[in-house]
């Protein structure tokens, strides 16, 4: 199966599609622009959800669920928000079907037209802030820290599995605070939770920054972002956290009575990551043989493949495998013993490489006689022979080593593809031939930002949060600039 995967060098986009489909992560749907997440892909998404959900709850957030359908009038209450999402909205206009004049024909019942159209949520700020008006009365009701795991619809013309689909899964946090400082602290806290997850669990290095006015979320005062670099030199926005100011509070008249008895508008944030993370996971680590899954996210961390010629040998290997699995499970390592006799060991090796299982153990009669087993690590494809006695801690250390190696490898790649320039001619050459992030001066105007995008297809991914003030000249206009920003072509 791995031989059927297009190589990254030949066609990176086709390599990605082949890998997502053939590894069993997802499939195309009969609904235009939508995808089916298959069990193996959903198992990885569940591990992402479990980690993030635990971190949200540690920081005081609670889960809730809000309606999928939002009255159209809600979107008109916040001007920037409606402008930002108007072209992506799917609209429900009727609530009933009826039999048509032809056999087995169903038509929309014209008499069942809704008095007000409903929008399938592209995001939930409007419905949530309409609700918060009822929930928030005084300072005792603050802060209000709510998250929901949900699906949303944003009508896309060009789709790509996980990276850009008309329907996708995500979490969206929505919080209300008494002061601006509390809300800004919340937005940055959630950005840090995302960054820690991406680096420690996904093994993907990220750059934390703030978006320009052109790139920020519709209705936000500031949008904070975590940006990563994929193996083809394109950037990917992994997640965002928005400081919404009082925009939505004023739009929906959400006020609270403070300790002095004065009415004030609350301050707000929203933040989210989606199944786009699955696409990032594939593109950051995988190779021409298949997926490479960090142990922290692998549904199966270790697979044991028996090599035998007869049932007696299989029985002996199975007994050994049972003990191996028991010892690994004591260390909370997920393990599978593949004793399917309809597939040969060579086929299984290729299949588990394709699925990105971090560690593969092979055991044959000779191994049993010697009290050893062959261990192969997926990231480097290196093999070694280890003793069966006291092996469990060695496997645990190996998994930790793989996790660290994947982050280190991705970090080296990202750093090698972060270039500083003060020349627009060099900027264009880097974008065209090398790719990656480009650190360059910008005069701070939307006009210059849009012109650079028009000429090079590169956008300002972020203004890094750890930026130092540095006087310079904009690479395009030559006008004064006080700091560098990061440009890249992106997904």
Protein backbone atom coordinates (compact mmCIF):
# COMPACT_ATOMS: atom_id res chain seq x y z
CA UNK A 1 0.00 0.00 0.00
CA UNK A 2 2.84 2.42 0.78
CA UNK A 3 4.13 2.03 -2.78
CA UNK A 4 0.87 3.55 -4.01
CA UNK A 5 1.64 6.84 -2.25
CA UNK A 6 2.90 9.66 -4.47
CA UNK A 7 6.26 10.95 -3.26
CA UNK A 8 6.48 14.33 -1.58
CA UNK A 9 9.01 15.52 -4.12
CA UNK A 10 6.89 14.53 -7.12
CA UNK A 11 3.62 16.12 -5.93
CA UNK A 12 3.28 17.26 -2.33
CA UNK A 13 -0.45 17.90 -2.55
CA UNK A 14 -1.15 14.47 -4.04
CA UNK A 15 1.17 12.87 -1.46
CA UNK A 16 -0.93 14.45 1.28
CA UNK A 17 -4.23 13.27 -0.22
CA UNK A 18 -2.89 9.76 -0.82
CA UNK A 19 -1.65 9.51 2.73
CA UNK A 20 -4.86 10.73 4.38
CA UNK A 21 -6.96 8.29 2.32
CA UNK A 22 -4.75 5.19 2.29
CA UNK A 23 -3.75 5.37 5.97
CA UNK A 24 -7.41 5.34 6.96
CA UNK A 25 -7.62 8.83 8.49
CA UNK A 26 -10.51 10.13 6.38
CA UNK A 27 -12.55 9.67 3.23
CA UNK A 28 -14.50 11.85 0.85
CA UNK A 29 -18.19 12.33 1.49
CA UNK A 30 -21.14 12.31 -0.89
CA UNK A 31 -21.87 15.82 0.43
CA UNK A 32 -19.90 18.42 -1.49
CA UNK A 33 -16.97 19.82 0.47
CA UNK A 34 -17.51 17.57 3.50
CA UNK A 35 -15.41 14.67 4.72
CA UNK A 36 -15.80 11.49 6.72
CA UNK A 37 -13.34 11.03 9.57
CA UNK A 38 -12.66 7.30 9.76
CA UNK A 39 -12.14 5.44 13.05
CA UNK A 40 -8.32 5.63 12.97
CA UNK A 41 -8.40 9.37 12.27
CA UNK A 42 -11.08 9.95 14.88
CA UNK A 43 -9.05 8.05 17.49
CA UNK A 44 -6.22 10.57 17.00
CA UNK A 45 -8.68 13.50 17.15
CA UNK A 46 -10.11 12.06 20.38
CA UNK A 47 -6.65 12.05 21.96
CA UNK A 48 -6.23 15.68 20.96
CA UNK A 49 -9.63 16.50 22.45
CA UNK A 50 -8.91 14.65 25.69
CA UNK A 51 -5.67 16.52 26.30
CA UNK A 52 -7.05 19.95 25.45
CA UNK A 53 -10.28 19.37 27.35
CA UNK A 54 -8.34 18.50 30.48
CA UNK A 55 -6.30 21.70 30.17
CA UNK A 56 -9.42 23.81 29.65
CA UNK A 57 -10.97 22.35 32.80
CA UNK A 58 -7.76 22.82 34.79
CA UNK A 59 -8.01 26.54 34.02
CA UNK A 60 -11.63 26.80 35.17
CA UNK A 61 -13.55 26.39 31.93
CA UNK A 62 -16.75 24.36 31.63
CA UNK A 63 -18.24 22.64 28.59
CA UNK A 64 -21.68 23.51 27.24
CA UNK A 65 -23.60 23.09 23.97
CA UNK A 66 -25.32 25.81 21.96
CA UNK A 67 -27.68 25.55 18.97
CA UNK A 68 -26.44 24.68 15.50
CA UNK A 69 -28.97 27.08 13.92
CA UNK A 70 -28.63 30.83 14.46
CA UNK A 71 -31.23 33.48 13.49
CA UNK A 72 -29.95 35.56 10.57
CA UNK A 73 -30.71 38.81 12.43
CA UNK A 74 -28.11 37.95 15.07
CA UNK A 75 -25.31 38.34 12.53
CA UNK A 76 -26.34 41.87 11.62
CA UNK A 77 -25.76 43.09 15.17
CA UNK A 78 -21.96 43.16 14.90
CA UNK A 79 -20.96 44.85 11.64
CA UNK A 80 -17.43 43.45 11.18
CA UNK A 81 -18.59 39.96 12.12
CA UNK A 82 -21.35 39.79 9.52
CA UNK A 83 -19.04 41.18 6.84
CA UNK A 84 -16.40 38.58 7.66
CA UNK A 85 -18.71 35.57 7.45
CA UNK A 86 -21.45 36.63 5.01
CA UNK A 87 -19.93 34.84 2.00
CA UNK A 88 -19.43 31.55 3.87
CA UNK A 89 -22.87 31.08 5.43
CA UNK A 90 -25.19 28.16 4.69
CA UNK A 91 -28.81 29.29 5.08
CA UNK A 92 -31.88 27.29 6.11
CA UNK A 93 -35.01 28.79 4.51
CA UNK A 94 -37.71 26.08 4.85
CA UNK A 95 -38.64 23.46 7.44
CA UNK A 96 -40.55 20.82 5.46
CA UNK A 97 -40.51 18.67 2.31
CA UNK A 98 -43.49 17.25 0.43
CA UNK A 99 -44.13 14.77 -2.38
CA UNK A 100 -43.69 16.15 -5.88
CA UNK A 101 -45.67 15.36 -9.02
CA UNK A 102 -43.20 12.70 -10.19
CA UNK A 103 -42.77 9.23 -8.62
CA UNK A 104 -40.46 9.27 -5.55
CA UNK A 105 -39.95 13.02 -5.97
CA UNK A 106 -39.49 15.25 -2.93
CA UNK A 107 -39.68 19.02 -3.16
CA UNK A 108 -39.38 21.87 -0.70
CA UNK A 109 -42.83 22.81 0.53
CA UNK A 110 -43.23 26.50 -0.44
CA UNK A 111 -45.77 26.96 2.35
CA UNK A 112 -43.14 25.95 4.93
CA UNK A 113 -40.94 29.00 4.50
CA UNK A 114 -39.38 30.23 7.74
CA UNK A 115 -40.34 33.70 8.94
CA UNK A 116 -36.65 34.30 9.55
CA UNK A 117 -33.89 32.35 7.85
CA UNK A 118 -31.49 30.39 10.05
CA UNK A 119 -27.73 30.27 9.59
CA UNK A 120 -25.89 26.99 10.17
CA UNK A 121 -23.24 28.19 12.59
CA UNK A 122 -19.92 29.24 11.06
CA UNK A 123 -18.93 30.23 14.61
CA UNK A 124 -21.04 30.81 17.73
CA UNK A 125 -20.27 34.31 19.01
CA UNK A 126 -23.71 35.68 18.13
CA UNK A 127 -25.88 32.93 19.63
CA UNK A 128 -23.66 32.73 22.70
CA UNK A 129 -23.64 36.47 23.39
CA UNK A 130 -27.41 36.57 22.99
CA UNK A 131 -27.49 33.91 25.74
CA UNK A 132 -24.91 35.66 27.94
CA UNK A 133 -27.23 38.67 28.15
CA UNK A 134 -29.57 36.45 30.20
CA UNK A 135 -26.82 34.81 32.25
CA UNK A 136 -24.81 37.87 33.28
CA UNK A 137 -26.34 40.37 35.69
CA UNK A 138 -23.66 41.31 38.22
CA UNK A 139 -19.95 41.00 38.96
CA UNK A 140 -20.77 37.78 40.83
CA UNK A 141 -21.54 36.12 37.47
CA UNK A 142 -18.02 36.86 36.17
CA UNK A 143 -15.79 35.56 34.84
CA UNK A 144 -17.94 33.28 32.68
CA UNK A 145 -15.69 30.64 31.13
CA UNK A 146 -17.46 28.40 28.59
CA UNK A 147 -16.19 26.01 25.91
CA UNK A 148 -18.05 23.82 23.45
CA UNK A 149 -16.96 20.96 21.21
CA UNK A 150 -18.99 21.21 18.03
CA UNK A 151 -19.16 21.12 14.26
CA UNK A 152 -19.46 24.25 12.12
CA UNK A 153 -20.11 25.00 8.46
CA UNK A 154 -18.22 27.54 6.36
CA UNK A 155 -19.06 27.15 2.69
CA UNK A 156 -15.75 26.55 0.90
CA UNK A 157 -15.23 26.58 -2.87
CA UNK A 158 -11.89 24.76 -2.79
CA UNK A 159 -11.62 22.03 -0.20
CA UNK A 160 -8.84 19.77 1.09
CA UNK A 161 -9.29 16.96 3.61
CA UNK A 162 -8.83 18.24 7.18
CA UNK A 163 -7.22 21.52 6.07
CA UNK A 164 -10.23 23.21 4.51
CA UNK A 165 -13.67 21.59 4.40
CA UNK A 166 -17.17 23.03 4.36
CA UNK A 167 -17.96 21.24 7.64
CA UNK A 168 -15.34 20.64 10.30
CA UNK A 169 -15.08 19.78 13.98
CA UNK A 170 -13.55 22.10 16.55
CA UNK A 171 -13.75 23.56 20.00
CA UNK A 172 -14.68 27.17 20.59
CA UNK A 173 -14.20 28.92 23.88
CA UNK A 174 -16.22 32.03 24.74
CA UNK A 175 -15.50 33.97 27.90
CA UNK A 176 -16.78 37.13 29.60
CA UNK A 177 -14.78 39.24 32.07
CA UNK A 178 -15.18 42.28 34.27
CA UNK A 179 -12.05 44.07 33.01
CA UNK A 180 -10.03 44.51 29.86
CA UNK A 181 -6.91 43.19 31.59
CA UNK A 182 -8.65 39.96 32.62
CA UNK A 183 -9.87 39.34 29.06
CA UNK A 184 -6.48 40.05 27.50
CA UNK A 185 -4.83 37.72 30.04
CA UNK A 186 -7.38 35.02 29.15
CA UNK A 187 -6.71 35.33 25.41
CA UNK A 188 -2.97 34.96 25.94
CA UNK A 189 -3.42 32.10 28.42
CA UNK A 190 -5.38 30.07 25.89
CA UNK A 191 -2.80 30.82 23.19
CA UNK A 192 -0.13 29.41 25.51
CA UNK A 193 -2.20 26.27 26.18
CA UNK A 194 -2.45 25.75 22.42
CA UNK A 195 1.28 26.33 21.91
CA UNK A 196 2.20 23.89 24.70
CA UNK A 197 -0.10 21.25 23.24
CA UNK A 198 1.30 21.65 19.74
CA UNK A 199 4.91 21.42 20.83
CA UNK A 200 4.71 18.88 23.68
CA UNK A 201 1.99 16.58 22.31
CA UNK A 202 1.93 17.12 18.54
CA UNK A 203 5.72 17.68 18.38
CA UNK A 204 5.12 20.65 16.06
CA UNK A 205 7.07 23.84 16.83
CA UNK A 206 5.02 27.03 16.58
CA UNK A 207 5.54 30.78 16.56
CA UNK A 208 3.16 32.81 18.72
CA UNK A 209 2.11 36.15 17.35
CA UNK A 210 -0.63 38.67 16.72
CA UNK A 211 -2.43 39.08 13.40
CA UNK A 212 -2.52 42.29 11.37
CA UNK A 213 -5.81 44.14 10.93
CA UNK A 214 -6.29 42.47 7.51
CA UNK A 215 -5.87 38.99 8.96
CA UNK A 216 -7.63 39.25 12.33
CA UNK A 217 -10.92 37.55 13.19
CA UNK A 218 -14.04 39.45 12.14
CA UNK A 219 -15.17 41.48 15.14
CA UNK A 220 -11.97 41.08 17.19
CA UNK A 221 -9.77 43.82 18.62
CA UNK A 222 -6.74 41.51 18.51
CA UNK A 223 -6.26 38.01 17.13
CA UNK A 224 -3.41 35.97 18.57
CA UNK A 225 -2.18 33.05 16.49
CA UNK A 226 0.11 30.03 16.56
CA UNK A 227 1.83 29.49 13.21
CA UNK A 228 3.75 26.42 12.08
CA UNK A 229 5.79 25.38 9.04
CA UNK A 230 4.92 22.36 6.90
CA UNK A 231 7.42 20.25 4.96
CA UNK A 232 6.63 21.98 1.66
CA UNK A 233 7.65 25.36 3.08
CA UNK A 234 4.11 26.67 3.52
CA UNK A 235 2.82 28.05 6.80
CA UNK A 236 -0.25 26.76 8.60
CA UNK A 237 -2.32 28.66 11.14
CA UNK A 238 -2.78 26.04 13.86
CA UNK A 239 -5.12 27.93 16.16
CA UNK A 240 -6.26 31.40 17.20
CA UNK A 241 -7.28 33.23 20.36
CA UNK A 242 -9.22 36.49 20.06
CA UNK A 243 -9.50 39.47 22.37
CA UNK A 244 -12.96 40.75 21.40
CA UNK A 245 -12.94 43.87 23.54
CA UNK A 246 -16.51 44.99 24.23
CA UNK A 247 -17.72 44.66 20.64
CA UNK A 248 -20.06 41.72 21.16
CA UNK A 249 -21.10 42.88 24.63
CA UNK A 250 -22.28 46.18 23.15
CA UNK A 251 -23.87 44.51 20.13
CA UNK A 252 -25.96 42.27 22.41
CA UNK A 253 -26.20 44.68 25.37
CA UNK A 254 -24.41 42.42 27.86
CA UNK A 255 -23.78 44.51 30.99
CA UNK A 256 -23.04 43.73 34.61
CA UNK A 257 -23.55 45.62 37.85
CA UNK A 258 -20.19 46.19 39.55
CA UNK A 259 -19.52 46.39 43.30
CA UNK A 260 -20.23 50.14 43.27
CA UNK A 261 -23.63 49.56 41.65
CA UNK A 262 -22.57 50.89 38.25
CA UNK A 263 -23.49 49.17 34.96
CA UNK A 264 -20.55 48.18 32.74
CA UNK A 265 -20.18 46.26 29.50
CA UNK A 266 -18.26 43.02 29.91
CA UNK A 267 -14.99 42.23 28.10
CA UNK A 268 -14.80 39.15 25.91
CA UNK A 269 -12.61 36.50 24.30
CA UNK A 270 -13.10 33.59 21.95
CA UNK A 271 -10.58 30.94 20.93
CA UNK A 272 -10.48 27.70 18.98
CA UNK A 273 -8.64 24.89 17.25
CA UNK A 274 -10.13 22.46 14.75
CA UNK A 275 -9.60 19.20 12.88
CA UNK A 276 -7.13 21.24 10.80
CA UNK A 277 -4.67 20.02 13.45
CA UNK A 278 -4.98 16.56 11.87
CA UNK A 279 -3.72 17.97 8.59
CA UNK A 280 -0.84 19.66 10.39
CA UNK A 281 0.10 16.39 12.07
CA UNK A 282 0.29 14.63 8.70
CA UNK A 283 2.27 17.34 6.92
CA UNK A 284 4.72 18.11 9.72
CA UNK A 285 6.08 14.60 10.30
CA UNK A 286 5.08 12.03 7.68
CA UNK A 287 7.24 10.63 4.88
CA UNK A 288 6.91 8.73 1.61
CA UNK A 289 6.30 5.46 3.46
CA UNK A 290 3.28 6.78 5.35
CA UNK A 291 2.23 8.54 8.51
CA UNK A 292 4.60 9.30 11.36
CA UNK A 293 2.52 9.76 14.52
CA UNK A 294 4.05 11.16 17.74
CA UNK A 295 3.68 8.59 20.54
CA UNK A 296 1.64 11.05 22.62
CA UNK A 297 -1.12 10.95 19.97
CA UNK A 298 -0.76 7.44 18.56
CA UNK A 299 -3.88 5.30 19.14
CA UNK A 300 -1.53 2.31 19.05
CA UNK A 301 1.97 3.07 20.32
CA UNK A 302 3.45 -0.42 19.94
CA UNK A 303 2.49 -3.25 17.60
CA UNK A 304 3.80 -6.81 17.98
CA UNK A 305 4.12 -8.86 14.79
CA UNK A 306 4.75 -12.63 15.16
CA UNK A 307 6.95 -14.41 12.62
CA UNK A 308 6.24 -18.13 12.48
CA UNK A 309 5.90 -21.18 10.23
CA UNK A 310 3.41 -23.29 12.12
CA UNK A 311 0.75 -23.09 14.80
CA UNK A 312 3.08 -24.43 17.51
CA UNK A 313 5.47 -21.53 16.93
CA UNK A 314 2.57 -19.06 16.90
CA UNK A 315 1.32 -20.47 20.22
CA UNK A 316 4.74 -19.97 21.86
CA UNK A 317 5.07 -16.45 20.45
CA UNK A 318 1.52 -15.61 21.57
CA UNK A 319 2.36 -16.61 25.14
CA UNK A 320 5.39 -14.33 25.10
CA UNK A 321 3.38 -11.53 23.50
CA UNK A 322 0.75 -11.72 26.25
CA UNK A 323 3.38 -11.07 28.89
CA UNK A 324 4.92 -8.26 26.83
CA UNK A 325 1.54 -6.58 26.43
CA UNK A 326 0.76 -6.89 30.13
CA UNK A 327 4.06 -5.27 31.09
CA UNK A 328 3.60 -2.43 28.60
CA UNK A 329 0.04 -1.75 29.71
CA UNK A 330 1.30 -1.35 33.29
CA UNK A 331 3.22 1.67 31.96
CA UNK A 332 0.05 2.91 30.18
CA UNK A 333 1.50 2.11 26.76
CA UNK A 334 -1.11 1.12 24.17
CA UNK A 335 -0.15 -2.08 22.38
CA UNK A 336 -1.59 -4.42 19.74
CA UNK A 337 -0.67 -8.04 18.97
CA UNK A 338 -1.36 -8.77 15.31
CA UNK A 339 -1.82 -12.53 14.99
CA UNK A 340 -3.95 -12.30 11.84
CA UNK A 341 -2.86 -15.37 9.85
CA UNK A 342 -4.32 -14.05 6.58
CA UNK A 343 -1.52 -11.47 6.19
CA UNK A 344 2.22 -12.08 5.90
CA UNK A 345 4.71 -10.27 8.15
CA UNK A 346 6.02 -8.17 5.25
CA UNK A 347 2.54 -6.88 4.50
CA UNK A 348 2.00 -6.07 8.17
CA UNK A 349 5.31 -4.19 8.39
CA UNK A 350 4.31 -1.99 5.44
CA UNK A 351 0.80 -1.49 6.82
CA UNK A 352 2.00 -0.33 10.24
CA UNK A 353 4.58 1.95 8.66
CA UNK A 354 1.76 3.44 6.59
CA UNK A 355 -0.30 4.02 9.75
CA UNK A 356 2.63 5.56 11.59
CA UNK A 357 2.74 3.21 14.59
CA UNK A 358 5.73 4.55 16.60
CA UNK A 359 7.28 1.19 17.60
CA UNK A 360 7.09 -2.23 15.97
CA UNK A 361 8.22 -5.40 17.73
CA UNK A 362 8.91 -8.53 15.70
CA UNK A 363 9.24 -11.91 17.45
CA UNK A 364 10.18 -15.20 15.83
CA UNK A 365 11.27 -18.65 17.09
CA UNK A 366 14.93 -17.61 17.17
CA UNK A 367 14.06 -14.55 19.26
CA UNK A 368 12.23 -16.75 21.77
CA UNK A 369 15.25 -19.04 22.00
CA UNK A 370 17.57 -16.08 22.61
CA UNK A 371 15.17 -14.19 24.91
CA UNK A 372 15.28 -11.19 22.58
CA UNK A 373 13.06 -9.28 20.15
CA UNK A 374 13.58 -6.97 17.20
CA UNK A 375 12.42 -3.41 17.76
CA UNK A 376 11.92 -0.89 14.93
CA UNK A 377 11.19 2.79 15.47
CA UNK A 378 8.99 4.50 12.87
CA UNK A 379 10.61 7.95 12.91
CA UNK A 380 14.12 6.87 11.86
CA UNK A 381 13.26 3.29 10.75
CA UNK A 382 16.23 2.09 12.82
CA UNK A 383 16.12 -1.46 14.19
CA UNK A 384 17.69 -2.91 17.31
CA UNK A 385 17.68 -6.15 19.30
CA UNK A 386 16.67 -5.89 22.96
CA UNK A 387 16.31 -8.44 25.74
CA UNK A 388 12.85 -9.56 26.82
CA UNK A 389 13.86 -9.21 30.46
CA UNK A 390 13.22 -5.70 31.76
CA UNK A 391 12.30 -4.47 28.28
CA UNK A 392 9.25 -2.35 29.25
CA UNK A 393 11.18 0.66 30.56
CA UNK A 394 13.39 0.50 27.48
CA UNK A 395 10.32 0.72 25.24
CA UNK A 396 9.02 3.60 27.36
CA UNK A 397 12.34 5.44 26.90
CA UNK A 398 12.24 4.71 23.19
CA UNK A 399 8.78 6.26 22.87
CA UNK A 400 9.99 9.34 24.75
CA UNK A 401 13.00 9.52 22.42
CA UNK A 402 10.75 9.36 19.34
CA UNK A 403 8.55 12.15 20.71
CA UNK A 404 11.57 14.37 21.35
CA UNK A 405 13.19 13.53 18.02
CA UNK A 406 10.09 14.50 16.04
CA UNK A 407 9.95 17.91 17.72
CA UNK A 408 13.67 18.43 17.24
CA UNK A 409 13.54 17.42 13.57
CA UNK A 410 10.57 19.70 12.88
CA UNK A 411 12.26 22.55 14.78
CA UNK A 412 15.44 22.22 12.75
CA UNK A 413 13.42 22.26 9.53
CA UNK A 414 11.45 25.32 10.66
CA UNK A 415 14.62 27.19 11.69
CA UNK A 416 16.30 26.36 8.38
CA UNK A 417 13.28 27.83 6.62
CA UNK A 418 13.18 31.10 8.55
CA UNK A 419 15.05 33.71 6.52
CA UNK A 420 15.72 37.38 7.23
CA UNK A 421 15.91 39.84 4.34
CA UNK A 422 15.85 43.59 3.70
CA UNK A 423 15.50 43.32 -0.08
CA UNK A 424 12.20 42.85 -1.94
CA UNK A 425 14.00 41.18 -4.85
CA UNK A 426 15.53 38.68 -2.43
CA UNK A 427 12.12 38.33 -0.73
CA UNK A 428 10.56 37.25 -4.04
CA UNK A 429 13.39 34.82 -4.76
CA UNK A 430 13.08 33.18 -1.32
CA UNK A 431 9.29 32.86 -1.58
CA UNK A 432 9.54 31.31 -5.04
CA UNK A 433 12.47 28.93 -4.54
CA UNK A 434 12.95 28.22 -0.83
CA UNK A 435 9.68 29.01 0.90
CA UNK A 436 9.29 29.12 4.63
CA UNK A 437 8.97 32.13 6.92
CA UNK A 438 10.55 35.41 5.88
CA UNK A 439 11.33 38.00 8.55
CA UNK A 440 11.13 41.44 6.98
CA UNK A 441 10.23 45.03 7.72
CA UNK A 442 6.75 46.32 6.84
CA UNK A 443 5.47 49.87 6.98
CA UNK A 444 2.33 48.89 8.92
CA UNK A 445 -0.22 49.77 6.22
CA UNK A 446 -2.92 47.48 4.86
CA UNK A 447 -2.22 48.78 1.36
CA UNK A 448 1.38 47.54 1.42
CA UNK A 449 0.37 44.22 2.96
CA UNK A 450 -2.22 43.61 0.22
CA UNK A 451 0.17 44.67 -2.56
CA UNK A 452 2.85 42.24 -1.36
CA UNK A 453 0.21 39.49 -1.25
CA UNK A 454 -0.92 40.35 -4.78
CA UNK A 455 2.63 40.22 -6.15
CA UNK A 456 3.97 37.20 -4.25
CA UNK A 457 0.98 35.30 -2.77
CA UNK A 458 2.69 35.72 0.62
CA UNK A 459 0.78 37.04 3.61
CA UNK A 460 1.86 38.39 6.97
CA UNK A 461 1.41 35.33 9.15
CA UNK A 462 1.95 37.25 12.38
CA UNK A 463 3.82 39.88 14.30
CA UNK A 464 5.76 37.61 16.73
CA UNK A 465 4.99 38.21 20.40
CA UNK A 466 8.68 38.04 21.26
CA UNK A 467 9.58 40.70 18.67
CA UNK A 468 12.18 43.25 19.61
CA UNK A 469 11.88 46.83 18.39
CA UNK A 470 14.21 47.25 15.43
CA UNK A 471 14.32 50.33 13.23
CA UNK A 472 14.37 49.58 9.54
CA UNK A 473 12.85 50.27 6.14
CA UNK A 474 9.83 48.48 4.67
CA UNK A 475 11.02 46.02 2.03
CA UNK A 476 8.36 47.23 -0.42
CA UNK A 477 7.89 50.98 0.14
CA UNK A 478 11.10 51.89 1.93
CA UNK A 479 9.10 53.72 4.58
CA UNK A 480 10.04 53.61 8.25
CA UNK A 481 9.38 50.37 10.19
CA UNK A 482 9.88 49.71 13.90
CA UNK A 483 9.83 45.90 13.82
CA UNK A 484 9.98 42.87 11.57
CA UNK A 485 6.99 40.65 10.77
CA UNK A 486 6.77 37.10 9.44
CA UNK A 487 5.63 36.54 5.86
CA UNK A 488 4.90 33.19 4.19
CA UNK A 489 2.70 31.48 1.67
CA UNK A 490 0.16 29.49 3.58
CA UNK A 491 -2.67 26.98 3.59
